């Protein structure tokens, strides 16, 4: 019951905010064009269907309508990205118009002629949106490899280097399923990881053909193993199904627990805080797990959201996180930066700890990225010269 309440609350907040964007679009169309009441009703109905598209995707996938689910997902999520861009760009147009209005009132009346008409502002915004959308769709398919090199004294002589590959926020779903998994698998294979880590949101709702998609990850070679933690979307998608897929894909899911691999590397994985909203209390606590492991080992903390627990500082060497997508579609990045001070890239932390935040390997919602390309991350640990261990 608690998990259902948490999901319904999330859905209500999402639809309310998303509905405001649709209302803004409707308002701009009504001001840019002279349309009859009938056309207004038809436009309103169309926007209502687009607003509900994410729900329709889930319902059609649950009913086994794979082709229909995929079609609705493409249309609905491309629209979602385009609408966000439209609102972002047109708000800038509105601000420019407002400044020109004020300037014409108080500085020079001739400036009023420079104010864009409602039609011009709407059309210009739509052209800009189309350009950004096309670029963003193509860029979402171009996965970059980010390489981070870290020297450490904690690798033993028998292990002079360690190649750790991180994927995050893949969001395998109706529109980013097997094809995306193939690209990621090819990239990982080229990097030849010793250890493969997934830092949450591997799978989402509506994935078509999960068995064959999981096979691609299960076939990947990583001598020291493949490990994963939950993200918020594992809970949204249905925890039982998400965990089943992740394990079928060959990952061991670390849920508030630690393991030692190769006799020299501690892996600590914690559940996403969303677990608490679904009535799942996170025990033992992160800091308590870190206290219980061998301190001389290289310690990696797998944690979906890039939030740093001050009580854990100094007890891990590197925290690997994701969640933010680097904003995914600019200017959403500006909002993400307010919510997450550690939003993208590598950060030095107190106590000789550090943090790396992945931009994410896939996309959530709109299958597009703008000024935040997807990544697979290779962290190369090198044994520091002169290390005593």
Protein backbone atom coordinates (compact mmCIF):
# COMPACT_ATOMS: atom_id res chain seq x y z
CA UNK A 1 0.00 0.00 0.00
CA UNK A 2 2.82 2.39 0.89
CA UNK A 3 4.59 1.75 -2.42
CA UNK A 4 1.35 2.48 -4.30
CA UNK A 5 0.90 5.74 -2.36
CA UNK A 6 4.47 6.79 -3.14
CA UNK A 7 3.97 6.08 -6.85
CA UNK A 8 0.66 7.94 -6.97
CA UNK A 9 2.25 10.95 -5.26
CA UNK A 10 5.10 10.94 -7.79
CA UNK A 11 2.57 10.66 -10.63
CA UNK A 12 0.45 13.55 -9.29
CA UNK A 13 3.46 15.87 -8.97
CA UNK A 14 4.77 14.89 -12.41
CA UNK A 15 1.43 15.39 -14.17
CA UNK A 16 0.87 18.73 -12.43
CA UNK A 17 4.22 20.16 -13.52
CA UNK A 18 4.02 18.62 -16.98
CA UNK A 19 0.47 19.92 -17.32
CA UNK A 20 1.65 23.48 -16.70
CA UNK A 21 4.05 23.18 -19.65
CA UNK A 22 1.16 22.03 -21.85
CA UNK A 23 -0.97 24.93 -20.72
CA UNK A 24 1.82 27.36 -21.60
CA UNK A 25 2.03 25.86 -25.11
CA UNK A 26 -1.75 26.04 -25.54
CA UNK A 27 -1.71 29.68 -24.43
CA UNK A 28 1.01 30.56 -26.95
CA UNK A 29 -0.82 28.84 -29.81
CA UNK A 30 -4.04 30.66 -28.92
CA UNK A 31 -2.22 34.03 -29.00
CA UNK A 32 -0.22 33.36 -32.16
CA UNK A 33 -3.12 32.17 -34.33
CA UNK A 34 -6.77 33.01 -34.79
CA UNK A 35 -8.47 29.68 -34.13
CA UNK A 36 -12.11 28.78 -33.70
CA UNK A 37 -13.54 27.28 -30.50
CA UNK A 38 -13.72 23.87 -32.22
CA UNK A 39 -9.99 23.96 -33.04
CA UNK A 40 -9.25 24.99 -29.46
CA UNK A 41 -11.13 21.96 -28.17
CA UNK A 42 -9.31 19.69 -30.62
CA UNK A 43 -5.94 21.16 -29.63
CA UNK A 44 -6.78 20.73 -25.96
CA UNK A 45 -7.72 17.08 -26.52
CA UNK A 46 -4.50 16.41 -28.43
CA UNK A 47 -2.42 18.00 -25.68
CA UNK A 48 -4.26 15.92 -23.09
CA UNK A 49 -3.31 12.73 -24.96
CA UNK A 50 0.32 13.88 -25.13
CA UNK A 51 0.24 14.72 -21.43
CA UNK A 52 -0.95 11.20 -20.63
CA UNK A 53 1.43 9.48 -23.10
CA UNK A 54 3.87 8.24 -20.38
CA UNK A 55 0.96 6.49 -18.65
CA UNK A 56 -0.35 5.09 -21.94
CA UNK A 57 3.13 3.67 -22.65
CA UNK A 58 3.07 1.74 -19.39
CA UNK A 59 -0.49 0.49 -19.89
CA UNK A 60 0.14 -0.69 -23.46
CA UNK A 61 3.39 -2.42 -22.46
CA UNK A 62 1.65 -4.12 -19.54
CA UNK A 63 -1.03 -5.34 -21.95
CA UNK A 64 1.63 -6.89 -24.19
CA UNK A 65 1.13 -4.37 -27.02
CA UNK A 66 4.85 -4.02 -27.81
CA UNK A 67 4.51 -2.24 -31.14
CA UNK A 68 1.90 0.15 -29.80
CA UNK A 69 3.92 0.83 -26.66
CA UNK A 70 7.03 1.66 -28.68
CA UNK A 71 5.13 3.99 -31.04
CA UNK A 72 3.43 5.84 -28.19
CA UNK A 73 6.76 6.11 -26.35
CA UNK A 74 8.57 7.64 -29.32
CA UNK A 75 5.83 10.18 -29.98
CA UNK A 76 5.16 10.98 -26.34
CA UNK A 77 8.78 11.32 -25.20
CA UNK A 78 9.96 13.23 -28.27
CA UNK A 79 7.08 15.59 -27.57
CA UNK A 80 8.16 15.85 -23.92
CA UNK A 81 11.65 16.96 -24.91
CA UNK A 82 10.36 19.32 -27.58
CA UNK A 83 7.86 20.88 -25.18
CA UNK A 84 10.55 21.49 -22.57
CA UNK A 85 12.72 23.17 -25.22
CA UNK A 86 9.77 25.19 -26.49
CA UNK A 87 8.96 26.54 -23.04
CA UNK A 88 12.63 27.26 -22.27
CA UNK A 89 13.20 29.16 -25.52
CA UNK A 90 9.86 30.96 -25.57
CA UNK A 91 10.27 32.13 -21.98
CA UNK A 92 13.50 33.78 -23.16
CA UNK A 93 11.55 35.36 -26.03
CA UNK A 94 8.94 36.59 -23.54
CA UNK A 95 11.64 38.10 -21.34
CA UNK A 96 13.20 39.90 -24.32
CA UNK A 97 9.76 41.20 -25.30
CA UNK A 98 9.19 42.41 -21.74
CA UNK A 99 12.50 44.28 -21.69
CA UNK A 100 11.73 45.92 -25.03
CA UNK A 101 8.31 46.93 -23.71
CA UNK A 102 9.82 48.57 -20.64
CA UNK A 103 12.52 50.23 -22.73
CA UNK A 104 9.92 51.63 -25.13
CA UNK A 105 7.97 53.07 -22.18
CA UNK A 106 10.85 54.68 -20.32
CA UNK A 107 13.69 55.13 -22.81
CA UNK A 108 12.66 55.36 -26.46
CA UNK A 109 9.18 54.86 -27.81
CA UNK A 110 10.60 53.67 -31.15
CA UNK A 111 11.74 50.48 -29.54
CA UNK A 112 8.16 49.24 -29.49
CA UNK A 113 8.51 48.45 -33.20
CA UNK A 114 11.27 45.95 -32.41
CA UNK A 115 9.00 43.83 -30.21
CA UNK A 116 8.30 40.42 -31.81
CA UNK A 117 4.71 39.59 -32.68
CA UNK A 118 3.12 36.56 -31.05
CA UNK A 119 3.21 34.73 -34.39
CA UNK A 120 6.89 35.54 -35.03
CA UNK A 121 7.88 34.47 -31.53
CA UNK A 122 5.98 31.19 -31.85
CA UNK A 123 7.33 30.28 -35.29
CA UNK A 124 10.92 31.26 -34.44
CA UNK A 125 10.75 29.17 -31.28
CA UNK A 126 9.43 26.15 -33.18
CA UNK A 127 12.27 26.39 -35.73
CA UNK A 128 14.85 26.54 -32.93
CA UNK A 129 13.21 23.59 -31.18
CA UNK A 130 13.33 21.47 -34.33
CA UNK A 131 17.04 22.16 -34.81
CA UNK A 132 17.94 21.35 -31.20
CA UNK A 133 15.72 18.26 -31.17
CA UNK A 134 17.32 16.75 -34.29
CA UNK A 135 20.80 17.38 -32.91
CA UNK A 136 19.80 16.02 -29.50
CA UNK A 137 18.39 12.77 -30.90
CA UNK A 138 21.60 12.12 -32.82
CA UNK A 139 23.82 13.06 -29.87
CA UNK A 140 21.97 10.69 -27.54
CA UNK A 141 23.19 7.80 -29.70
CA UNK A 142 26.85 8.83 -29.60
CA UNK A 143 28.18 7.33 -26.39
CA UNK A 144 31.46 8.88 -25.24
CA UNK A 145 34.16 7.19 -23.21
CA UNK A 146 35.33 9.24 -20.25
CA UNK A 147 38.69 8.11 -18.82
CA UNK A 148 39.72 8.95 -15.25
CA UNK A 149 43.17 7.96 -13.95
CA UNK A 150 43.73 7.73 -10.20
CA UNK A 151 46.94 6.85 -8.39
CA UNK A 152 46.51 4.92 -5.16
CA UNK A 153 48.67 3.34 -2.49
CA UNK A 154 46.02 0.73 -1.76
CA UNK A 155 46.65 -1.65 -4.65
CA UNK A 156 48.93 -4.55 -3.72
CA UNK A 157 52.08 -5.40 -5.70
CA UNK A 158 50.31 -8.31 -7.37
CA UNK A 159 47.69 -5.88 -8.71
CA UNK A 160 49.56 -2.87 -10.18
CA UNK A 161 46.47 -1.54 -12.00
CA UNK A 162 42.71 -1.92 -12.02
CA UNK A 163 40.29 -1.05 -14.83
CA UNK A 164 36.82 -0.21 -13.52
CA UNK A 165 34.03 0.55 -15.99
CA UNK A 166 30.95 2.41 -14.78
CA UNK A 167 27.60 2.61 -16.51
CA UNK A 168 24.71 4.55 -15.03
CA UNK A 169 21.19 5.67 -15.84
CA UNK A 170 20.83 3.44 -18.87
CA UNK A 171 17.03 3.45 -18.53
CA UNK A 172 16.36 0.47 -20.77
CA UNK A 173 12.74 0.88 -21.86
CA UNK A 174 10.34 0.64 -24.80
CA UNK A 175 12.38 3.09 -26.88
CA UNK A 176 15.88 2.36 -25.62
CA UNK A 177 16.11 -1.38 -25.34
CA UNK A 178 18.20 -3.94 -27.17
CA UNK A 179 19.69 -1.50 -29.69
CA UNK A 180 21.05 0.72 -26.91
CA UNK A 181 22.25 -2.33 -24.97
CA UNK A 182 24.22 -3.48 -28.02
CA UNK A 183 26.00 -0.12 -28.28
CA UNK A 184 26.86 -0.15 -24.59
CA UNK A 185 28.06 -3.75 -24.71
CA UNK A 186 30.35 -2.98 -27.65
CA UNK A 187 31.80 0.00 -25.81
CA UNK A 188 32.40 -2.00 -22.62
CA UNK A 189 34.03 -4.84 -24.55
CA UNK A 190 36.53 -2.41 -26.11
CA UNK A 191 37.47 -1.10 -22.65
CA UNK A 192 38.28 -4.59 -21.28
CA UNK A 193 37.19 -3.94 -17.68
CA UNK A 194 38.45 -5.85 -14.67
CA UNK A 195 35.30 -4.77 -12.84
CA UNK A 196 31.95 -3.61 -14.28
CA UNK A 197 29.69 -1.44 -12.13
CA UNK A 198 26.15 -0.13 -12.69
CA UNK A 199 25.20 2.76 -10.43
CA UNK A 200 21.42 2.59 -10.73
CA UNK A 201 18.51 3.08 -13.13
CA UNK A 202 19.61 0.25 -15.39
CA UNK A 203 16.05 -0.61 -16.37
CA UNK A 204 12.80 1.31 -16.63
CA UNK A 205 9.16 0.58 -17.42
CA UNK A 206 8.10 -0.96 -20.71
CA UNK A 207 11.28 -2.77 -21.78
CA UNK A 208 10.55 -5.00 -24.77
CA UNK A 209 12.30 -8.38 -24.99
CA UNK A 210 14.09 -8.18 -21.62
CA UNK A 211 15.54 -11.69 -21.92
CA UNK A 212 17.61 -11.05 -25.07
CA UNK A 213 18.60 -7.61 -23.77
CA UNK A 214 19.88 -9.09 -20.50
CA UNK A 215 21.88 -11.66 -22.48
CA UNK A 216 24.04 -8.86 -23.93
CA UNK A 217 25.22 -7.79 -20.48
CA UNK A 218 25.54 -11.30 -19.14
CA UNK A 219 27.96 -12.13 -21.98
CA UNK A 220 30.34 -9.31 -21.02
CA UNK A 221 33.62 -10.38 -19.47
CA UNK A 222 34.80 -8.76 -16.22
CA UNK A 223 37.26 -10.98 -14.29
CA UNK A 224 36.47 -9.46 -10.89
CA UNK A 225 32.73 -9.41 -11.45
CA UNK A 226 29.75 -7.23 -12.29
CA UNK A 227 27.95 -5.35 -9.53
CA UNK A 228 25.00 -2.97 -9.39
CA UNK A 229 22.95 -0.85 -7.01
CA UNK A 230 19.37 0.35 -7.19
CA UNK A 231 18.39 3.76 -8.48
CA UNK A 232 15.08 5.51 -8.02
CA UNK A 233 13.66 4.07 -11.24
CA UNK A 234 14.17 0.48 -10.12
CA UNK A 235 11.47 1.27 -7.56
CA UNK A 236 9.28 3.19 -10.03
CA UNK A 237 9.51 0.38 -12.60
CA UNK A 238 8.71 -2.32 -10.04
CA UNK A 239 11.51 -3.47 -7.78
CA UNK A 240 10.92 -7.20 -8.18
CA UNK A 241 11.02 -7.04 -11.98
CA UNK A 242 13.97 -4.62 -12.03
CA UNK A 243 16.07 -6.77 -9.70
CA UNK A 244 15.21 -9.87 -11.70
CA UNK A 245 16.39 -8.22 -14.92
CA UNK A 246 19.58 -6.89 -13.34
CA UNK A 247 20.49 -10.31 -11.97
CA UNK A 248 19.63 -11.98 -15.28
CA UNK A 249 22.05 -9.49 -16.86
CA UNK A 250 24.83 -10.96 -14.72
CA UNK A 251 25.06 -8.30 -12.03
CA UNK A 252 25.14 -8.94 -8.32
CA UNK A 253 22.96 -6.28 -6.71
CA UNK A 254 24.48 -4.78 -3.56
CA UNK A 255 21.71 -3.63 -1.25
CA UNK A 256 23.23 -1.98 1.83
CA UNK A 257 26.06 -4.47 1.90
CA UNK A 258 29.75 -4.84 1.13
CA UNK A 259 31.88 -7.41 -0.65
CA UNK A 260 35.64 -7.76 -1.09
CA UNK A 261 36.87 -8.80 -4.53
CA UNK A 262 40.35 -9.93 -5.61
CA UNK A 263 41.29 -9.80 -1.95
CA UNK A 264 42.05 -6.10 -2.28
CA UNK A 265 38.97 -4.12 -3.33
CA UNK A 266 35.98 -3.28 -1.13
CA UNK A 267 32.71 -2.65 -2.93
CA UNK A 268 29.98 -1.02 -0.84
CA UNK A 269 26.54 -0.64 -2.40
CA UNK A 270 23.60 1.21 -0.88
CA UNK A 271 19.96 1.43 -1.91
CA UNK A 272 18.63 4.64 -3.38
CA UNK A 273 16.77 6.80 -0.81
CA UNK A 274 13.58 6.14 -2.79
CA UNK A 275 13.47 2.82 -0.92
CA UNK A 276 12.31 4.65 2.20
CA UNK A 277 9.35 6.15 0.36
CA UNK A 278 8.36 2.61 -0.60
CA UNK A 279 8.46 1.44 3.01
CA UNK A 280 11.91 -0.18 2.77
CA UNK A 281 14.21 1.03 5.53
CA UNK A 282 17.88 1.15 4.57
CA UNK A 283 19.72 -0.94 7.17
CA UNK A 284 22.53 -1.19 7.95
CA UNK A 285 23.50 2.46 7.51
CA UNK A 286 26.13 3.43 4.95
CA UNK A 287 28.62 4.68 7.52
CA UNK A 288 28.26 1.49 9.57
CA UNK A 289 28.96 -0.69 6.55
CA UNK A 290 32.07 1.34 5.78
CA UNK A 291 33.32 0.90 9.36
CA UNK A 292 33.05 -2.87 9.09
CA UNK A 293 35.30 -3.44 6.05
CA UNK A 294 39.10 -3.75 5.81
CA UNK A 295 40.44 -0.19 5.83
CA UNK A 296 43.64 -1.07 4.00
CA UNK A 297 41.72 -2.08 0.87
CA UNK A 298 40.75 0.21 -2.00
CA UNK A 299 37.12 1.06 -1.23
CA UNK A 300 34.53 1.99 -3.87
CA UNK A 301 31.14 3.27 -2.71
CA UNK A 302 28.31 2.69 -5.19
CA UNK A 303 25.53 5.17 -4.58
CA UNK A 304 23.02 6.24 -7.21
CA UNK A 305 22.46 9.84 -6.13
CA UNK A 306 25.55 12.07 -5.82
CA UNK A 307 24.91 13.06 -2.23
CA UNK A 308 27.86 12.86 0.14
CA UNK A 309 27.36 11.58 3.67
CA UNK A 310 29.73 13.53 5.91
CA UNK A 311 29.91 10.58 8.32
CA UNK A 312 31.35 8.45 5.51
CA UNK A 313 34.15 10.80 4.46
CA UNK A 314 37.57 9.26 4.85
CA UNK A 315 36.10 5.75 4.91
CA UNK A 316 35.95 5.31 1.13
CA UNK A 317 38.35 6.17 -1.67
CA UNK A 318 35.90 6.81 -4.50
CA UNK A 319 32.14 7.20 -4.59
CA UNK A 320 30.57 6.41 -7.96
CA UNK A 321 27.18 8.00 -8.67
CA UNK A 322 24.88 9.10 -11.46
CA UNK A 323 21.22 10.20 -11.35
CA UNK A 324 21.68 13.77 -12.62
CA UNK A 325 22.21 12.90 -16.33
CA UNK A 326 24.33 16.06 -16.39
CA UNK A 327 21.01 17.80 -16.98
CA UNK A 328 20.43 15.76 -20.19
CA UNK A 329 18.80 18.65 -22.04
CA UNK A 330 20.13 22.16 -21.51
CA UNK A 331 18.94 24.41 -19.85
CA UNK A 332 17.59 21.76 -17.44
CA UNK A 333 21.18 21.42 -16.29
CA UNK A 334 20.83 24.76 -14.48
CA UNK A 335 18.03 23.31 -12.34
CA UNK A 336 20.04 20.15 -11.69
CA UNK A 337 23.01 22.23 -10.52
CA UNK A 338 20.81 23.88 -7.89
CA UNK A 339 19.59 20.52 -6.57
CA UNK A 340 22.94 18.72 -6.77
CA UNK A 341 26.15 20.69 -6.09
CA UNK A 342 28.03 17.59 -7.29
CA UNK A 343 26.26 17.21 -10.61
CA UNK A 344 28.84 15.99 -13.15
CA UNK A 345 32.46 14.83 -13.28
CA UNK A 346 35.22 14.28 -10.73
CA UNK A 347 35.36 15.95 -7.31
CA UNK A 348 37.96 15.83 -4.56
CA UNK A 349 36.35 15.45 -1.12
CA UNK A 350 37.66 15.87 2.43
CA UNK A 351 39.37 12.92 4.13
CA UNK A 352 41.14 11.76 0.95
CA UNK A 353 37.84 10.63 -0.51
CA UNK A 354 36.65 11.52 -4.00
CA UNK A 355 33.48 11.37 -6.08
CA UNK A 356 32.74 10.76 -9.73
CA UNK A 357 29.29 11.62 -11.11
CA UNK A 358 28.43 10.08 -14.47
CA UNK A 359 26.34 12.01 -16.99
CA UNK A 360 24.56 8.72 -17.61
CA UNK A 361 24.75 6.21 -20.43
CA UNK A 362 21.18 6.40 -21.70
CA UNK A 363 18.29 8.83 -21.50
CA UNK A 364 15.17 9.14 -19.41
CA UNK A 365 11.99 10.22 -21.16
CA UNK A 366 13.01 12.14 -24.31
CA UNK A 367 15.49 10.08 -26.37
CA UNK A 368 17.67 13.16 -26.79
CA UNK A 369 20.56 14.98 -25.15
CA UNK A 370 21.70 18.56 -25.59
CA UNK A 371 25.06 19.76 -24.23
CA UNK A 372 25.27 16.67 -22.02
CA UNK A 373 26.36 13.64 -24.08
CA UNK A 374 26.00 10.07 -22.77
CA UNK A 375 29.03 8.30 -21.37
CA UNK A 376 30.60 5.04 -20.33
CA UNK A 377 33.29 5.75 -17.76
CA UNK A 378 36.64 4.02 -17.40
CA UNK A 379 38.38 4.58 -14.07
CA UNK A 380 41.98 3.42 -14.25
CA UNK A 381 43.55 2.90 -10.84
CA UNK A 382 47.34 2.85 -10.92
CA UNK A 383 49.48 1.64 -8.05
CA UNK A 384 51.47 4.62 -6.79
CA UNK A 385 55.22 4.25 -7.17
CA UNK A 386 56.85 3.44 -3.85
CA UNK A 387 53.64 2.21 -2.23
CA UNK A 388 54.43 -0.07 0.70
CA UNK A 389 51.58 -2.53 0.31
